[in-house]
All heavy atoms as atom14 arrays in JSON, in Angstrom:
{
  "sequence": "TFGYVSASLAGVRPTILLTAFGHKVPDPPCRRAVSMEPCNL",
  "atom14_mask": [
    [1, 1, 1, 1, 1, 1, 1, 0, 0, 0, 0, 0, 0, 0],
    [1, 1, 1, 1, 1, 1, 1, 1, 1, 1, 1, 0, 0, 0],
    [1, 1, 1, 1, 0, 0, 0, 0, 0, 0, 0, 0, 0, 0],
    [1, 1, 1, 1, 1, 1, 1, 1, 1, 1, 1, 1, 0, 0],
    [1, 1, 1, 1, 1, 1, 1, 0, 0, 0, 0, 0, 0, 0],
    [1, 1, 1, 1, 1, 1, 0, 0, 0, 0, 0, 0, 0, 0],
    [1, 1, 1, 1, 1, 0, 0, 0, 0, 0, 0, 0, 0, 0],
    [1, 1, 1, 1, 1, 1, 0, 0, 0, 0, 0, 0, 0, 0],
    [1, 1, 1, 1, 1, 1, 1, 1, 0, 0, 0, 0, 0, 0],
    [1, 1, 1, 1, 1, 0, 0, 0, 0, 0, 0, 0, 0, 0],
    [1, 1, 1, 1, 0, 0, 0, 0, 0, 0, 0, 0, 0, 0],
    [1, 1, 1, 1, 1, 1, 1, 0, 0, 0, 0, 0, 0, 0],
    [1, 1, 1, 1, 1, 1, 1, 1, 1, 1, 1, 0, 0, 0],
    [1, 1, 1, 1, 1, 1, 1, 0, 0, 0, 0, 0, 0, 0],
    [1, 1, 1, 1, 1, 1, 1, 0, 0, 0, 0, 0, 0, 0],
    [1, 1, 1, 1, 1, 1, 1, 1, 0, 0, 0, 0, 0, 0],
    [1, 1, 1, 1, 1, 1, 1, 1, 0, 0, 0, 0, 0, 0],
    [1, 1, 1, 1, 1, 1, 1, 1, 0, 0, 0, 0, 0, 0],
    [1, 1, 1, 1, 1, 1, 1, 0, 0, 0, 0, 0, 0, 0],
    [1, 1, 1, 1, 1, 0, 0, 0, 0, 0, 0, 0, 0, 0],
    [1, 1, 1, 1, 1, 1, 1, 1, 1, 1, 1, 0, 0, 0],
    [1, 1, 1, 1, 0, 0, 0, 0, 0, 0, 0, 0, 0, 0],
    [1, 1, 1, 1, 1, 1, 1, 1, 1, 1, 0, 0, 0, 0],
    [1, 1, 1, 1, 1, 1, 1, 1, 1, 0, 0, 0, 0, 0],
    [1, 1, 1, 1, 1, 1, 1, 0, 0, 0, 0, 0, 0, 0],
    [1, 1, 1, 1, 1, 1, 1, 0, 0, 0, 0, 0, 0, 0],
    [1, 1, 1, 1, 1, 1, 1, 1, 0, 0, 0, 0, 0, 0],
    [1, 1, 1, 1, 1, 1, 1, 0, 0, 0, 0, 0, 0, 0],
    [1, 1, 1, 1, 1, 1, 1, 0, 0, 0, 0, 0, 0, 0],
    [1, 1, 1, 1, 1, 1, 0, 0, 0, 0, 0, 0, 0, 0],
    [1, 1, 1, 1, 1, 1, 1, 1, 1, 1, 1, 0, 0, 0],
    [1, 1, 1, 1, 1, 1, 1, 1, 1, 1, 1, 0, 0, 0],
    [1, 1, 1, 1, 1, 0, 0, 0, 0, 0, 0, 0, 0, 0],
    [1, 1, 1, 1, 1, 1, 1, 0, 0, 0, 0, 0, 0, 0],
    [1, 1, 1, 1, 1, 1, 0, 0, 0, 0, 0, 0, 0, 0],
    [1, 1, 1, 1, 1, 1, 1, 1, 0, 0, 0, 0, 0, 0],
    [1, 1, 1, 1, 1, 1, 1, 1, 1, 0, 0, 0, 0, 0],
    [1, 1, 1, 1, 1, 1, 1, 0, 0, 0, 0, 0, 0, 0],
    [1, 1, 1, 1, 1, 1, 0, 0, 0, 0, 0, 0, 0, 0],
    [1, 1, 1, 1, 1, 1, 1, 1, 0, 0, 0, 0, 0, 0],
    [1, 1, 1, 1, 1, 1, 1, 1, 0, 0, 0, 0, 0, 0]
  ],
  "atom14_positions": [
    [[118.62, -81.44, -78.71], [119.86, -82.01, -79.25], [120.72, -80.94, -79.92], [121.94, -81.05, -79.94], [119.54, -83.13, -80.24], [118.67, -82.63, -81.28], [118.85, -84.3, -79.54], [0.0, 0.0, 0.0], [0.0, 0.0, 0.0], [0.0, 0.0, 0.0], [0.0, 0.0, 0.0], [0.0, 0.0, 0.0], [0.0, 0.0, 0.0], [0.0, 0.0, 0.0]],
    [[120.09, -79.9, -80.46], [120.81, -78.76, -81.03], [121.72, -78.14, -79.96], [122.89, -77.85, -80.2], [119.79, -77.74, -81.53], [120.31, -76.74, -82.52], [120.1, -76.91, -83.88], [120.98, -75.6, -82.1], [120.56, -75.97, -84.8], [121.43, -74.65, -83.0], [121.22, -74.83, -84.36], [0.0, 0.0, 0.0], [0.0, 0.0, 0.0], [0.0, 0.0, 0.0]],
    [[121.16, -77.95, -78.78], [121.94, -77.4, -77.67], [123.0, -78.37, -77.18], [124.12, -77.97, -76.85], [0.0, 0.0, 0.0], [0.0, 0.0, 0.0], [0.0, 0.0, 0.0], [0.0, 0.0, 0.0], [0.0, 0.0, 0.0], [0.0, 0.0, 0.0], [0.0, 0.0, 0.0], [0.0, 0.0, 0.0], [0.0, 0.0, 0.0], [0.0, 0.0, 0.0]],
    [[122.67, -79.67, -77.12], [123.64, -80.67, -76.68], [124.89, -80.65, -77.56], [126.02, -80.68, -77.08], [123.03, -82.07, -76.73], [121.93, -82.35, -75.74], [121.03, -83.39, -75.96], [121.79, -81.61, -74.57], [120.01, -83.68, -75.06], [120.79, -81.89, -73.66], [119.9, -82.92, -73.91], [118.89, -83.2, -73.01], [0.0, 0.0, 0.0], [0.0, 0.0, 0.0]],
    [[124.67, -80.64, -78.89], [125.8, -80.67, -79.82], [126.65, -79.42, -79.66], [127.89, -79.48, -79.63], [125.31, -80.82, -81.27], [126.47, -80.68, -82.25], [124.64, -82.17, -81.48], [0.0, 0.0, 0.0], [0.0, 0.0, 0.0], [0.0, 0.0, 0.0], [0.0, 0.0, 0.0], [0.0, 0.0, 0.0], [0.0, 0.0, 0.0], [0.0, 0.0, 0.0]],
    [[126.0, -78.26, -79.56], [126.74, -77.0, -79.43], [127.62, -77.0, -78.19], [128.8, -76.6, -78.24], [125.76, -75.83, -79.37], [124.97, -75.77, -80.54], [0.0, 0.0, 0.0], [0.0, 0.0, 0.0], [0.0, 0.0, 0.0], [0.0, 0.0, 0.0], [0.0, 0.0, 0.0], [0.0, 0.0, 0.0], [0.0, 0.0, 0.0], [0.0, 0.0, 0.0]],
    [[127.08, -77.44, -77.06], [127.85, -77.45, -75.82], [129.0, -78.45, -75.88], [130.1, -78.18, -75.39], [126.93, -77.76, -74.64], [0.0, 0.0, 0.0], [0.0, 0.0, 0.0], [0.0, 0.0, 0.0], [0.0, 0.0, 0.0], [0.0, 0.0, 0.0], [0.0, 0.0, 0.0], [0.0, 0.0, 0.0], [0.0, 0.0, 0.0], [0.0, 0.0, 0.0]],
    [[128.75, -79.62, -76.45], [129.81, -80.63, -76.54], [130.95, -80.16, -77.43], [132.13, -80.34, -77.11], [129.24, -81.94, -77.07], [128.41, -82.56, -76.11], [0.0, 0.0, 0.0], [0.0, 0.0, 0.0], [0.0, 0.0, 0.0], [0.0, 0.0, 0.0], [0.0, 0.0, 0.0], [0.0, 0.0, 0.0], [0.0, 0.0, 0.0], [0.0, 0.0, 0.0]],
    [[130.61, -79.56, -78.58], [131.65, -79.02, -79.45], [132.4, -77.9, -78.76], [133.63, -77.79, -78.88], [131.03, -78.51, -80.75], [130.63, -79.56, -81.78], [129.78, -78.93, -82.89], [131.86, -80.23, -82.38], [0.0, 0.0, 0.0], [0.0, 0.0, 0.0], [0.0, 0.0, 0.0], [0.0, 0.0, 0.0], [0.0, 0.0, 0.0], [0.0, 0.0, 0.0]],
    [[131.69, -77.05, -78.03], [132.32, -75.93, -77.35], [133.23, -76.38, -76.22], [134.19, -75.69, -75.87], [131.26, -74.97, -76.8], [0.0, 0.0, 0.0], [0.0, 0.0, 0.0], [0.0, 0.0, 0.0], [0.0, 0.0, 0.0], [0.0, 0.0, 0.0], [0.0, 0.0, 0.0], [0.0, 0.0, 0.0], [0.0, 0.0, 0.0], [0.0, 0.0, 0.0]],
    [[132.92, -77.53, -75.63], [133.69, -77.98, -74.47], [133.32, -77.25, -73.21], [134.17, -77.02, -72.34], [0.0, 0.0, 0.0], [0.0, 0.0, 0.0], [0.0, 0.0, 0.0], [0.0, 0.0, 0.0], [0.0, 0.0, 0.0], [0.0, 0.0, 0.0], [0.0, 0.0, 0.0], [0.0, 0.0, 0.0], [0.0, 0.0, 0.0], [0.0, 0.0, 0.0]],
    [[132.04, -76.88, -73.07], [131.58, -76.17, -71.88], [130.4, -76.91, -71.25], [129.66, -77.61, -71.93], [131.16, -74.72, -72.19], [132.3, -73.95, -72.81], [129.94, -74.68, -73.1], [0.0, 0.0, 0.0], [0.0, 0.0, 0.0], [0.0, 0.0, 0.0], [0.0, 0.0, 0.0], [0.0, 0.0, 0.0], [0.0, 0.0, 0.0], [0.0, 0.0, 0.0]],
    [[130.25, -76.73, -69.96], [129.06, -77.21, -69.26], [128.03, -76.09, -69.31], [128.2, -75.07, -68.65], [129.41, -77.58, -67.82], [130.39, -78.73, -67.72], [130.89, -78.91, -66.3], [131.86, -80.0, -66.21], [132.63, -80.23, -65.16], [132.54, -79.43, -64.1], [133.48, -81.24, -65.15], [0.0, 0.0, 0.0], [0.0, 0.0, 0.0], [0.0, 0.0, 0.0]],
    [[126.98, -76.25, -70.08], [126.06, -75.14, -70.28], [125.13, -74.95, -69.1], [124.99, -75.81, -68.23], [125.26, -75.59, -71.51], [125.21, -77.09, -71.36], [126.57, -77.47, -70.79], [0.0, 0.0, 0.0], [0.0, 0.0, 0.0], [0.0, 0.0, 0.0], [0.0, 0.0, 0.0], [0.0, 0.0, 0.0], [0.0, 0.0, 0.0], [0.0, 0.0, 0.0]],
    [[124.5, -73.79, -69.06], [123.34, -73.59, -68.21], [122.13, -74.01, -69.04], [121.96, -73.57, -70.18], [123.21, -72.13, -67.78], [124.34, -71.79, -66.97], [121.94, -71.91, -66.98], [0.0, 0.0, 0.0], [0.0, 0.0, 0.0], [0.0, 0.0, 0.0], [0.0, 0.0, 0.0], [0.0, 0.0, 0.0], [0.0, 0.0, 0.0], [0.0, 0.0, 0.0]],
    [[121.28, -74.86, -68.47], [120.19, -75.47, -69.23], [118.86, -74.89, -68.78], [118.49, -74.98, -67.6], [120.18, -77.0, -69.05], [121.53, -77.6, -69.49], [119.05, -77.62, -69.84], [121.64, -79.1, -69.23], [0.0, 0.0, 0.0], [0.0, 0.0, 0.0], [0.0, 0.0, 0.0], [0.0, 0.0, 0.0], [0.0, 0.0, 0.0], [0.0, 0.0, 0.0]],
    [[118.13, -74.27, -69.73], [116.77, -73.82, -69.47], [115.88, -75.05, -69.36], [115.78, -75.85, -70.3], [116.28, -72.93, -70.61], [116.89, -71.53, -70.72], [116.59, -70.94, -72.09], [116.36, -70.63, -69.61], [0.0, 0.0, 0.0], [0.0, 0.0, 0.0], [0.0, 0.0, 0.0], [0.0, 0.0, 0.0], [0.0, 0.0, 0.0], [0.0, 0.0, 0.0]],
    [[115.23, -75.24, -68.23], [114.41, -76.42, -68.02], [113.12, -76.33, -68.84], [112.57, -75.25, -69.05], [114.09, -76.59, -66.54], [115.33, -76.79, -65.65], [114.93, -76.96, -64.2], [116.15, -77.99, -66.12], [0.0, 0.0, 0.0], [0.0, 0.0, 0.0], [0.0, 0.0, 0.0], [0.0, 0.0, 0.0], [0.0, 0.0, 0.0], [0.0, 0.0, 0.0]],
    [[112.66, -77.49, -69.31], [111.49, -77.55, -70.19], [110.21, -77.35, -69.39], [110.07, -77.84, -68.25], [111.45, -78.91, -70.9], [112.71, -79.1, -71.57], [110.33, -78.97, -71.92], [0.0, 0.0, 0.0], [0.0, 0.0, 0.0], [0.0, 0.0, 0.0], [0.0, 0.0, 0.0], [0.0, 0.0, 0.0], [0.0, 0.0, 0.0], [0.0, 0.0, 0.0]],
    [[109.27, -76.64, -69.99], [107.98, -76.36, -69.32], [107.03, -77.53, -69.51], [106.01, -77.43, -70.22], [107.38, -75.07, -69.89], [0.0, 0.0, 0.0], [0.0, 0.0, 0.0], [0.0, 0.0, 0.0], [0.0, 0.0, 0.0], [0.0, 0.0, 0.0], [0.0, 0.0, 0.0], [0.0, 0.0, 0.0], [0.0, 0.0, 0.0], [0.0, 0.0, 0.0]],
    [[107.36, -78.66, -68.9], [106.48, -79.83, -68.99], [105.11, -79.47, -68.41], [105.01, -78.81, -67.37], [107.08, -81.01, -68.23], [108.32, -81.58, -68.87], [109.56, -81.42, -68.28], [108.25, -82.25, -70.08], [110.7, -81.93, -68.85], [109.39, -82.78, -70.67], [110.61, -82.62, -70.07], [0.0, 0.0, 0.0], [0.0, 0.0, 0.0], [0.0, 0.0, 0.0]],
    [[104.06, -79.91, -69.1], [102.72, -79.57, -68.66], [102.38, -78.11, -68.86], [101.41, -77.61, -68.28], [0.0, 0.0, 0.0], [0.0, 0.0, 0.0], [0.0, 0.0, 0.0], [0.0, 0.0, 0.0], [0.0, 0.0, 0.0], [0.0, 0.0, 0.0], [0.0, 0.0, 0.0], [0.0, 0.0, 0.0], [0.0, 0.0, 0.0], [0.0, 0.0, 0.0]],
    [[103.17, -77.41, -69.69], [102.94, -75.99, -70.02], [103.01, -75.1, -68.77], [102.33, -74.09, -68.69], [101.59, -75.81, -70.73], [101.4, -76.73, -71.9], [102.07, -76.57, -73.1], [100.64, -77.85, -72.04], [101.72, -77.54, -73.93], [100.86, -78.33, -73.32], [0.0, 0.0, 0.0], [0.0, 0.0, 0.0], [0.0, 0.0, 0.0], [0.0, 0.0, 0.0]],
    [[103.85, -75.51, -67.82], [104.04, -74.72, -66.6], [105.47, -74.2, -66.56], [106.42, -74.95, -66.8], [103.75, -75.56, -65.36], [102.3, -76.03, -65.26], [102.09, -76.88, -64.0], [100.65, -77.36, -63.91], [100.43, -78.21, -62.7], [0.0, 0.0, 0.0], [0.0, 0.0, 0.0], [0.0, 0.0, 0.0], [0.0, 0.0, 0.0], [0.0, 0.0, 0.0]],
    [[105.62, -72.92, -66.22], [106.96, -72.35, -66.13], [107.73, -73.08, -65.04], [107.28, -73.16, -63.89], [106.88, -70.84, -65.81], [108.28, -70.25, -65.67], [106.1, -70.11, -66.89], [0.0, 0.0, 0.0], [0.0, 0.0, 0.0], [0.0, 0.0, 0.0], [0.0, 0.0, 0.0], [0.0, 0.0, 0.0], [0.0, 0.0, 0.0], [0.0, 0.0, 0.0]],
    [[108.89, -73.62, -65.35], [109.63, -74.42, -64.35], [110.22, -73.55, -63.24], [110.57, -72.4, -63.45], [110.72, -75.09, -65.18], [110.88, -74.22, -66.37], [109.55, -73.62, -66.66], [0.0, 0.0, 0.0], [0.0, 0.0, 0.0], [0.0, 0.0, 0.0], [0.0, 0.0, 0.0], [0.0, 0.0, 0.0], [0.0, 0.0, 0.0], [0.0, 0.0, 0.0]],
    [[110.32, -74.14, -62.08], [110.93, -73.5, -60.93], [111.85, -74.53, -60.25], [111.36, -75.54, -59.74], [109.86, -73.01, -59.94], [110.46, -72.25, -58.76], [111.61, -71.78, -58.9], [109.79, -72.16, -57.72], [0.0, 0.0, 0.0], [0.0, 0.0, 0.0], [0.0, 0.0, 0.0], [0.0, 0.0, 0.0], [0.0, 0.0, 0.0], [0.0, 0.0, 0.0]],
    [[113.16, -74.33, -60.28], [113.89, -73.18, -60.79], [113.85, -73.08, -62.32], [113.52, -74.06, -62.98], [115.32, -73.43, -60.29], [115.41, -74.93, -60.23], [114.07, -75.39, -59.78], [0.0, 0.0, 0.0], [0.0, 0.0, 0.0], [0.0, 0.0, 0.0], [0.0, 0.0, 0.0], [0.0, 0.0, 0.0], [0.0, 0.0, 0.0], [0.0, 0.0, 0.0]],
    [[114.2, -71.93, -62.87], [114.11, -71.76, -64.32], [115.17, -72.53, -65.09], [114.97, -72.84, -66.28], [114.3, -70.25, -64.51], [115.1, -69.82, -63.31], [114.62, -70.68, -62.19], [0.0, 0.0, 0.0], [0.0, 0.0, 0.0], [0.0, 0.0, 0.0], [0.0, 0.0, 0.0], [0.0, 0.0, 0.0], [0.0, 0.0, 0.0], [0.0, 0.0, 0.0]],
    [[116.28, -72.87, -64.44], [117.37, -73.53, -65.16], [118.3, -74.21, -64.17], [118.19, -74.02, -62.94], [118.16, -72.5, -65.99], [118.89, -71.16, -65.01], [0.0, 0.0, 0.0], [0.0, 0.0, 0.0], [0.0, 0.0, 0.0], [0.0, 0.0, 0.0], [0.0, 0.0, 0.0], [0.0, 0.0, 0.0], [0.0, 0.0, 0.0], [0.0, 0.0, 0.0]],
    [[119.21, -75.0, -64.71], [120.24, -75.65, -63.9], [121.58, -75.55, -64.63], [121.63, -75.66, -65.85], [119.92, -77.14, -63.69], [118.72, -77.4, -62.78], [118.66, -78.86, -62.37], [117.47, -79.12, -61.57], [116.5, -79.95, -61.9], [116.58, -80.64, -63.03], [115.46, -80.12, -61.12], [0.0, 0.0, 0.0], [0.0, 0.0, 0.0], [0.0, 0.0, 0.0]],
    [[122.61, -75.37, -63.87], [123.96, -75.4, -64.43], [124.37, -76.87, -64.57], [124.37, -77.63, -63.6], [124.94, -74.67, -63.51], [126.36, -74.62, -64.0], [126.59, -73.6, -65.07], [126.46, -72.23, -64.59], [126.89, -71.16, -65.26], [127.48, -71.32, -66.43], [126.71, -69.94, -64.77], [0.0, 0.0, 0.0], [0.0, 0.0, 0.0], [0.0, 0.0, 0.0]],
    [[124.71, -77.29, -65.78], [125.07, -78.69, -66.02], [126.36, -79.02, -65.27], [127.28, -78.2, -65.19], [125.24, -78.95, -67.5], [0.0, 0.0, 0.0], [0.0, 0.0, 0.0], [0.0, 0.0, 0.0], [0.0, 0.0, 0.0], [0.0, 0.0, 0.0], [0.0, 0.0, 0.0], [0.0, 0.0, 0.0], [0.0, 0.0, 0.0], [0.0, 0.0, 0.0]],
    [[126.43, -80.23, -64.74], [127.66, -80.68, -64.08], [128.42, -81.66, -64.96], [129.45, -82.18, -64.57], [127.35, -81.33, -62.71], [126.78, -80.3, -61.75], [126.41, -82.5, -62.85], [0.0, 0.0, 0.0], [0.0, 0.0, 0.0], [0.0, 0.0, 0.0], [0.0, 0.0, 0.0], [0.0, 0.0, 0.0], [0.0, 0.0, 0.0], [0.0, 0.0, 0.0]],
    [[127.9, -81.91, -66.16], [128.6, -82.71, -67.17], [128.25, -82.13, -68.53], [127.1, -81.82, -68.81], [128.16, -84.17, -67.1], [128.63, -84.89, -68.23], [0.0, 0.0, 0.0], [0.0, 0.0, 0.0], [0.0, 0.0, 0.0], [0.0, 0.0, 0.0], [0.0, 0.0, 0.0], [0.0, 0.0, 0.0], [0.0, 0.0, 0.0], [0.0, 0.0, 0.0]],
    [[129.27, -81.96, -69.38], [129.02, -81.41, -70.72], [128.47, -82.45, -71.69], [128.15, -82.13, -72.83], [130.32, -80.83, -71.29], [131.33, -81.87, -71.72], [132.78, -81.15, -72.54], [133.6, -80.38, -71.16], [0.0, 0.0, 0.0], [0.0, 0.0, 0.0], [0.0, 0.0, 0.0], [0.0, 0.0, 0.0], [0.0, 0.0, 0.0], [0.0, 0.0, 0.0]],
    [[128.33, -83.68, -71.24], [127.86, -84.75, -72.12], [126.41, -84.53, -72.58], [125.58, -84.05, -71.81], [127.92, -86.08, -71.39], [129.22, -86.83, -71.54], [129.38, -87.4, -72.93], [128.76, -88.42, -73.25], [130.14, -86.82, -73.71], [0.0, 0.0, 0.0], [0.0, 0.0, 0.0], [0.0, 0.0, 0.0], [0.0, 0.0, 0.0], [0.0, 0.0, 0.0]],
    [[126.1, -84.92, -73.82], [124.7, -84.95, -74.25], [123.92, -86.0, -73.48], [124.49, -86.94, -72.92], [124.78, -85.32, -75.74], [126.2, -85.06, -76.13], [127.02, -85.28, -74.91], [0.0, 0.0, 0.0], [0.0, 0.0, 0.0], [0.0, 0.0, 0.0], [0.0, 0.0, 0.0], [0.0, 0.0, 0.0], [0.0, 0.0, 0.0], [0.0, 0.0, 0.0]],
    [[122.62, -85.85, -73.46], [121.74, -86.79, -72.76], [121.17, -87.8, -73.75], [120.77, -87.44, -74.86], [120.59, -86.01, -72.11], [119.4, -87.03, -71.2], [0.0, 0.0, 0.0], [0.0, 0.0, 0.0], [0.0, 0.0, 0.0], [0.0, 0.0, 0.0], [0.0, 0.0, 0.0], [0.0, 0.0, 0.0], [0.0, 0.0, 0.0], [0.0, 0.0, 0.0]],
    [[121.17, -89.07, -73.36], [120.41, -90.07, -74.1], [118.97, -89.99, -73.6], [118.66, -90.47, -72.51], [120.98, -91.47, -73.88], [120.21, -92.53, -74.67], [119.28, -92.23, -75.42], [120.6, -93.79, -74.51], [0.0, 0.0, 0.0], [0.0, 0.0, 0.0], [0.0, 0.0, 0.0], [0.0, 0.0, 0.0], [0.0, 0.0, 0.0], [0.0, 0.0, 0.0]],
    [[118.12, -89.35, -74.38], [116.76, -89.05, -73.93], [115.87, -90.28, -73.84], [114.87, -90.28, -73.14], [116.12, -88.02, -74.88], [116.81, -86.65, -74.89], [116.27, -85.8, -76.03], [116.62, -85.94, -73.56], [0.0, 0.0, 0.0], [0.0, 0.0, 0.0], [0.0, 0.0, 0.0], [0.0, 0.0, 0.0], [0.0, 0.0, 0.0], [0.0, 0.0, 0.0]]
  ]
}
């Protein structure tokens, strides 16, 4: 949520580092957001 707020205030679509669910390095490592909106988790 720290990142969500920063991007929304900035008015940019951030590049998002994907979370290592299951303690595994994600592949791909990140995604370019197509919406600057925060996520309702």
